[in-house]
């Protein structure tokens, strides 16, 4: 038997009380992607100082340095 989404996270609620789970495929599924559009800033002369790959590498290095702990 399958359970409705989200009812397996603890608690003693009887999942059968929720009834049948039906998906409406005419509606979007989940949160829309949030993309940053910098075209208006670029039109005003703004340019990024850090490229995408370098930014990812720097963020990862910062994470490793500041947020990881020895086991």
PDB file of N, CA and C in Angstrom:
ATOM      1  N   UNK A   1       0.833  -1.181   0.000  1.00  0.00           N
ATOM      2  CA  UNK A   1       0.000   0.000   0.000  1.00  0.00           C
ATOM      3  C   UNK A   1       0.881   1.250   0.000  1.00  0.00           C
ATOM      4  N   UNK A   2       0.539   2.251  -0.754  1.00  0.00           N
ATOM      5  CA  UNK A   2       1.304   3.497  -0.763  1.00  0.00           C
ATOM      6  C   UNK A   2       0.643   4.510   0.156  1.00  0.00           C
ATOM      7  N   UNK A   3       1.462   5.414   0.643  1.00  0.00           N
ATOM      8  CA  UNK A   3       0.958   6.459   1.523  1.00  0.00           C
ATOM      9  C   UNK A   3       0.992   7.802   0.828  1.00  0.00           C
ATOM     10  N   UNK A   4       0.112   8.720   1.202  1.00  0.00           N
ATOM     11  CA  UNK A   4       0.181  10.066   0.638  1.00  0.00           C
ATOM     12  C   UNK A   4       1.513  10.723   0.965  1.00  0.00           C
ATOM     13  N   UNK A   5       1.992  11.551   0.073  1.00  0.00           N
ATOM     14  CA  UNK A   5       3.265  12.236   0.272  1.00  0.00           C
ATOM     15  C   UNK A   5       3.248  13.035   1.562  1.00  0.00           C
ATOM     16  N   UNK A   6       4.348  12.992   2.282  1.00  0.00           N
ATOM     17  CA  UNK A   6       4.497  13.798   3.479  1.00  0.00           C
ATOM     18  C   UNK A   6       3.921  13.201   4.749  1.00  0.00           C
ATOM     19  N   UNK A   7       3.339  11.997   4.688  1.00  0.00           N
ATOM     20  CA  UNK A   7       2.742  11.435   5.896  1.00  0.00           C
ATOM     21  C   UNK A   7       3.670  10.431   6.564  1.00  0.00           C
ATOM     22  N   UNK A   8       4.877  10.287   6.066  1.00  0.00           N
ATOM     23  CA  UNK A   8       5.786   9.306   6.657  1.00  0.00           C
ATOM     24  C   UNK A   8       6.856   9.959   7.515  1.00  0.00           C
ATOM     25  N   UNK A   9       6.626  11.186   7.938  1.00  0.00           N
ATOM     26  CA  UNK A   9       7.639  11.893   8.722  1.00  0.00           C
ATOM     27  C   UNK A   9       7.312  11.900  10.204  1.00  0.00           C
ATOM     28  N   UNK A  10       7.015  10.800  10.757  1.00  0.00           N
ATOM     29  CA  UNK A  10       6.762  10.727  12.184  1.00  0.00           C
ATOM     30  C   UNK A  10       5.315  11.017  12.510  1.00  0.00           C
ATOM     31  N   UNK A  11       5.024  10.998  13.788  1.00  0.00           N
ATOM     32  CA  UNK A  11       3.646  11.227  14.219  1.00  0.00           C
ATOM     33  C   UNK A  11       2.857   9.938  14.133  1.00  0.00           C
ATOM     34  N   UNK A  12       1.749   9.926  14.817  1.00  0.00           N
ATOM     35  CA  UNK A  12       0.938   8.717  14.867  1.00  0.00           C
ATOM     36  C   UNK A  12      -0.348   8.849  14.068  1.00  0.00           C
ATOM     37  N   UNK A  13      -0.431   9.828  13.161  1.00  0.00           N
ATOM     38  CA  UNK A  13      -1.647  10.026  12.376  1.00  0.00           C
ATOM     39  C   UNK A  13      -1.881   8.824  11.463  1.00  0.00           C
ATOM     40  N   UNK A  14      -3.115   8.427  11.365  1.00  0.00           N
ATOM     41  CA  UNK A  14      -3.483   7.327  10.476  1.00  0.00           C
ATOM     42  C   UNK A  14      -3.551   7.879   9.063  1.00  0.00           C
ATOM     43  N   UNK A  15      -2.658   7.456   8.189  1.00  0.00           N
ATOM     44  CA  UNK A  15      -2.562   8.021   6.842  1.00  0.00           C
ATOM     45  C   UNK A  15      -3.804   7.757   6.001  1.00  0.00           C
ATOM     46  N   UNK A  16      -4.574   6.754   6.341  1.00  0.00           N
ATOM     47  CA  UNK A  16      -5.791   6.478   5.577  1.00  0.00           C
ATOM     48  C   UNK A  16      -6.826   7.584   5.735  1.00  0.00           C
ATOM     49  N   UNK A  17      -6.727   8.391   6.771  1.00  0.00           N
ATOM     50  CA  UNK A  17      -7.671   9.484   6.994  1.00  0.00           C
ATOM     51  C   UNK A  17      -7.539  10.562   5.927  1.00  0.00           C
ATOM     52  N   UNK A  18      -6.427  10.569   5.201  1.00  0.00           N
ATOM     53  CA  UNK A  18      -6.208  11.583   4.182  1.00  0.00           C
ATOM     54  C   UNK A  18      -6.941  11.263   2.889  1.00  0.00           C
ATOM     55  N   UNK A  19      -7.371  10.040   2.704  1.00  0.00           N
ATOM     56  CA  UNK A  19      -8.074   9.661   1.479  1.00  0.00           C
ATOM     57  C   UNK A  19      -7.111   9.402   0.341  1.00  0.00           C
ATOM     58  N   UNK A  20      -7.614   9.505  -0.867  1.00  0.00           N
ATOM     59  CA  UNK A  20      -6.820   9.217  -2.047  1.00  0.00           C
ATOM     60  C   UNK A  20      -6.032  10.451  -2.475  1.00  0.00           C
ATOM     61  N   UNK A  21      -4.776  10.253  -2.852  1.00  0.00           N
ATOM     62  CA  UNK A  21      -3.924  11.328  -3.321  1.00  0.00           C
ATOM     63  C   UNK A  21      -4.037  11.408  -4.838  1.00  0.00           C
ATOM     64  N   UNK A  22      -4.474  12.553  -5.344  1.00  0.00           N
ATOM     65  CA  UNK A  22      -4.675  12.743  -6.776  1.00  0.00           C
ATOM     66  C   UNK A  22      -3.840  13.936  -7.223  1.00  0.00           C
ATOM     67  N   UNK A  23      -3.102  13.769  -8.312  1.00  0.00           N
ATOM     68  CA  UNK A  23      -2.277  14.840  -8.847  1.00  0.00           C
ATOM     69  C   UNK A  23      -3.000  15.524 -10.002  1.00  0.00           C
ATOM     70  N   UNK A  24      -2.994  16.847  -9.986  1.00  0.00           N
ATOM     71  CA  UNK A  24      -3.573  17.629 -11.068  1.00  0.00           C
ATOM     72  C   UNK A  24      -2.442  17.997 -12.022  1.00  0.00           C
ATOM     73  N   UNK A  25      -2.335  17.270 -13.129  1.00  0.00           N
ATOM     74  CA  UNK A  25      -1.222  17.469 -14.057  1.00  0.00           C
ATOM     75  C   UNK A  25      -1.340  18.767 -14.846  1.00  0.00           C
ATOM     76  N   UNK A  26      -2.460  19.480 -14.741  1.00  0.00           N
ATOM     77  CA  UNK A  26      -2.592  20.753 -15.438  1.00  0.00           C
ATOM     78  C   UNK A  26      -1.890  21.880 -14.676  1.00  0.00           C
ATOM     79  N   UNK A  27      -1.473  21.598 -13.448  1.00  0.00           N
ATOM     80  CA  UNK A  27      -0.786  22.601 -12.624  1.00  0.00           C
ATOM     81  C   UNK A  27       0.694  22.247 -12.534  1.00  0.00           C
ATOM     82  N   UNK A  28       1.506  23.234 -12.230  1.00  0.00           N
ATOM     83  CA  UNK A  28       2.948  23.004 -12.128  1.00  0.00           C
ATOM     84  C   UNK A  28       3.247  22.095 -10.948  1.00  0.00           C
ATOM     85  N   UNK A  29       4.364  21.398 -11.028  1.00  0.00           N
ATOM     86  CA  UNK A  29       4.744  20.508  -9.931  1.00  0.00           C
ATOM     87  C   UNK A  29       5.970  21.063  -9.215  1.00  0.00           C
ATOM     88  N   UNK A  30       5.743  21.651  -8.087  1.00  0.00           N
ATOM     89  CA  UNK A  30       6.843  22.141  -7.271  1.00  0.00           C
ATOM     90  C   UNK A  30       7.105  23.630  -7.466  1.00  0.00           C
ATOM     91  N   UNK A  31       8.196  24.061  -6.875  1.00  0.00           N
ATOM     92  CA  UNK A  31       8.579  25.453  -6.895  1.00  0.00           C
ATOM     93  C   UNK A  31       9.178  25.819  -8.249  1.00  0.00           C
ATOM     94  N   UNK A  32       8.763  26.929  -8.832  1.00  0.00           N
ATOM     95  CA  UNK A  32       9.367  27.337 -10.102  1.00  0.00           C
ATOM     96  C   UNK A  32      10.853  27.660  -9.910  1.00  0.00           C
ATOM     97  N   UNK A  33      11.616  27.452 -10.953  1.00  0.00           N
ATOM     98  CA  UNK A  33      13.034  27.789 -10.885  1.00  0.00           C
ATOM     99  C   UNK A  33      13.185  29.285 -10.720  1.00  0.00           C
ATOM    100  N   UNK A  34      14.079  29.674  -9.848  1.00  0.00           N
ATOM    101  CA  UNK A  34      14.337  31.084  -9.636  1.00  0.00           C
ATOM    102  C   UNK A  34      15.700  31.394 -10.247  1.00  0.00           C
ATOM    103  N   UNK A  35      15.676  32.138 -11.323  1.00  0.00           N
ATOM    104  CA  UNK A  35      16.900  32.477 -12.020  1.00  0.00           C
ATOM    105  C   UNK A  35      17.155  33.966 -11.896  1.00  0.00           C
ATOM    106  N   UNK A  36      18.415  34.317 -11.698  1.00  0.00           N
ATOM    107  CA  UNK A  36      18.792  35.714 -11.588  1.00  0.00           C
ATOM    108  C   UNK A  36      19.010  36.288 -12.981  1.00  0.00           C
ATOM    109  N   UNK A  37      18.272  37.340 -13.310  1.00  0.00           N
ATOM    110  CA  UNK A  37      18.412  38.005 -14.598  1.00  0.00           C
ATOM    111  C   UNK A  37      19.167  39.311 -14.371  1.00  0.00           C
ATOM    112  N   UNK A  38      20.391  39.380 -14.876  1.00  0.00           N
ATOM    113  CA  UNK A  38      21.216  40.564 -14.666  1.00  0.00           C
ATOM    114  C   UNK A  38      21.249  41.474 -15.891  1.00  0.00           C
ATOM    115  N   UNK A  39      20.370  41.224 -16.857  1.00  0.00           N
ATOM    116  CA  UNK A  39      20.403  42.009 -18.094  1.00  0.00           C
ATOM    117  C   UNK A  39      20.170  43.499 -17.838  1.00  0.00           C
ATOM    118  N   UNK A  40      19.301  43.840 -16.910  1.00  0.00           N
ATOM    119  CA  UNK A  40      19.057  45.262 -16.621  1.00  0.00           C
ATOM    120  C   UNK A  40      20.284  45.908 -15.985  1.00  0.00           C
ATOM    121  N   UNK A  41      20.943  45.161 -15.105  1.00  0.00           N
ATOM    122  CA  UNK A  41      22.172  45.688 -14.499  1.00  0.00           C
ATOM    123  C   UNK A  41      23.264  45.857 -15.549  1.00  0.00           C
ATOM    124  N   UNK A  42      23.383  44.864 -16.434  1.00  0.00           N
ATOM    125  CA  UNK A  42      24.397  44.959 -17.483  1.00  0.00           C
ATOM    126  C   UNK A  42      24.107  46.125 -18.419  1.00  0.00           C
ATOM    127  N   UNK A  43      22.847  46.418 -18.664  1.00  0.00           N
ATOM    128  CA  UNK A  43      22.477  47.557 -19.504  1.00  0.00           C
ATOM    129  C   UNK A  43      22.923  48.874 -18.868  1.00  0.00           C
ATOM    130  N   UNK A  44      23.069  48.878 -17.549  1.00  0.00           N
ATOM    131  CA  UNK A  44      23.540  50.069 -16.838  1.00  0.00           C
ATOM    132  C   UNK A  44      25.059  50.088 -16.697  1.00  0.00           C
ATOM    133  N   UNK A  45      25.727  49.057 -17.254  1.00  0.00           N
ATOM    134  CA  UNK A  45      27.189  49.036 -17.232  1.00  0.00           C
ATOM    135  C   UNK A  45      27.808  48.087 -16.218  1.00  0.00           C
ATOM    136  N   UNK A  46      26.993  47.391 -15.449  1.00  0.00           N
ATOM    137  CA  UNK A  46      27.528  46.464 -14.447  1.00  0.00           C
ATOM    138  C   UNK A  46      28.069  45.210 -15.107  1.00  0.00           C
ATOM    139  N   UNK A  47      29.193  44.741 -14.611  1.00  0.00           N
ATOM    140  CA  UNK A  47      29.766  43.475 -15.049  1.00  0.00           C
ATOM    141  C   UNK A  47      30.215  42.701 -13.811  1.00  0.00           C
ATOM    142  N   UNK A  48      30.034  41.384 -13.780  1.00  0.00           N
ATOM    143  CA  UNK A  48      30.477  40.608 -12.616  1.00  0.00           C
ATOM    144  C   UNK A  48      31.996  40.608 -12.502  1.00  0.00           C
ATOM    145  N   UNK A  49      32.497  40.609 -11.268  1.00  0.00           N
ATOM    146  CA  UNK A  49      33.940  40.575 -11.030  1.00  0.00           C
ATOM    147  C   UNK A  49      34.461  39.148 -10.985  1.00  0.00           C
ATOM    148  N   UNK A  50      33.581  38.207 -10.697  1.00  0.00           N
ATOM    149  CA  UNK A  50      33.971  36.806 -10.551  1.00  0.00           C
ATOM    150  C   UNK A  50      33.168  35.970 -11.526  1.00  0.00           C
ATOM    151  N   UNK A  51      33.853  35.116 -12.278  1.00  0.00           N
ATOM    152  CA  UNK A  51      33.167  34.219 -13.203  1.00  0.00           C
ATOM    153  C   UNK A  51      32.462  33.095 -12.454  1.00  0.00           C
ATOM    154  N   UNK A  52      31.575  32.413 -13.158  1.00  0.00           N
ATOM    155  CA  UNK A  52      30.774  31.368 -12.529  1.00  0.00           C
ATOM    156  C   UNK A  52      31.637  30.253 -11.944  1.00  0.00           C
ATOM    157  N   UNK A  53      32.537  29.688 -12.754  1.00  0.00           N
ATOM    158  CA  UNK A  53      33.382  28.575 -12.274  1.00  0.00           C
ATOM    159  C   UNK A  53      34.253  28.998 -11.104  1.00  0.00           C
ATOM    160  N   UNK A  54      34.846  30.188 -11.195  1.00  0.00           N
ATOM    161  CA  UNK A  54      35.677  30.668 -10.088  1.00  0.00           C
ATOM    162  C   UNK A  54      34.830  30.883  -8.838  1.00  0.00           C
ATOM    163  N   UNK A  55      33.619  31.409  -9.010  1.00  0.00           N
ATOM    164  CA  UNK A  55      32.738  31.628  -7.863  1.00  0.00           C
ATOM    165  C   UNK A  55      32.364  30.333  -7.174  1.00  0.00           C
ATOM    166  N   UNK A  56      32.066  29.302  -7.959  1.00  0.00           N
ATOM    167  CA  UNK A  56      31.750  27.988  -7.377  1.00  0.00           C
ATOM    168  C   UNK A  56      32.960  27.436  -6.645  1.00  0.00           C
ATOM    169  N   UNK A  57      34.129  27.528  -7.256  1.00  0.00           N
ATOM    170  CA  UNK A  57      35.362  27.018  -6.625  1.00  0.00           C
ATOM    171  C   UNK A  57      35.646  27.757  -5.326  1.00  0.00           C
ATOM    172  N   UNK A  58      35.469  29.065  -5.319  1.00  0.00           N
ATOM    173  CA  UNK A  58      35.724  29.840  -4.101  1.00  0.00           C
ATOM    174  C   UNK A  58      34.705  29.528  -3.012  1.00  0.00           C
ATOM    175  N   UNK A  59      33.445  29.367  -3.393  1.00  0.00           N
ATOM    176  CA  UNK A  59      32.409  29.025  -2.408  1.00  0.00           C
ATOM    177  C   UNK A  59      32.678  27.657  -1.800  1.00  0.00           C
ATOM    178  N   UNK A  60      33.090  26.694  -2.633  1.00  0.00           N
ATOM    179  CA  UNK A  60      33.388  25.350  -2.134  1.00  0.00           C
ATOM    180  C   UNK A  60      34.605  25.368  -1.215  1.00  0.00           C
ATOM    181  N   UNK A  61      35.631  26.105  -1.590  1.00  0.00           N
ATOM    182  CA  UNK A  61      36.826  26.216  -0.745  1.00  0.00           C
ATOM    183  C   UNK A  61      36.477  26.841   0.601  1.00  0.00           C
ATOM    184  N   UNK A  62      35.627  27.862   0.582  1.00  0.00           N
ATOM    185  CA  UNK A  62      35.184  28.500   1.823  1.00  0.00           C
ATOM    186  C   UNK A  62      34.406  27.515   2.691  1.00  0.00           C
ATOM    187  N   UNK A  63      33.544  26.732   2.052  1.00  0.00           N
ATOM    188  CA  UNK A  63      32.793  25.714   2.791  1.00  0.00           C
ATOM    189  C   UNK A  63      33.736  24.718   3.453  1.00  0.00           C
ATOM    190  N   UNK A  64      34.699  24.224   2.684  1.00  0.00           N
ATOM    191  CA  UNK A  64      35.639  23.240   3.241  1.00  0.00           C
ATOM    192  C   UNK A  64      36.432  23.833   4.399  1.00  0.00           C
ATOM    193  N   UNK A  65      36.811  25.091   4.281  1.00  0.00           N
ATOM    194  CA  UNK A  65      37.617  25.721   5.315  1.00  0.00           C
ATOM    195  C   UNK A  65      36.810  26.058   6.574  1.00  0.00           C
ATOM    196  N   UNK A  66      35.568  26.461   6.403  1.00  0.00           N
ATOM    197  CA  UNK A  66      34.822  27.005   7.536  1.00  0.00           C
ATOM    198  C   UNK A  66      33.685  26.147   8.066  1.00  0.00           C
ATOM    199  N   UNK A  67      33.228  25.156   7.294  1.00  0.00           N
ATOM    200  CA  UNK A  67      32.047  24.444   7.731  1.00  0.00           C
ATOM    201  C   UNK A  67      32.228  22.938   7.880  1.00  0.00           C
ATOM    202  N   UNK A  68      33.394  22.429   7.600  1.00  0.00           N
ATOM    203  CA  UNK A  68      33.610  20.996   7.799  1.00  0.00           C
ATOM    204  C   UNK A  68      34.382  20.808   9.089  1.00  0.00           C
ATOM    205  N   UNK A  69      34.088  19.765   9.749  1.00  0.00           N
ATOM    206  CA  UNK A  69      34.737  19.460  11.030  1.00  0.00           C
ATOM    207  C   UNK A  69      35.353  18.071  10.962  1.00  0.00           C
ATOM    208  N   UNK A  70      36.496  17.918  11.584  1.00  0.00           N
ATOM    209  CA  UNK A  70      37.137  16.592  11.633  1.00  0.00           C
ATOM    210  C   UNK A  70      36.287  15.651  12.462  1.00  0.00           C
ATOM    211  N   UNK A  71      36.172  14.440  12.016  1.00  0.00           N
ATOM    212  CA  UNK A  71      35.344  13.452  12.710  1.00  0.00           C
ATOM    213  C   UNK A  71      36.002  12.941  13.965  1.00  0.00           C
TER     214      UNK A  71
END
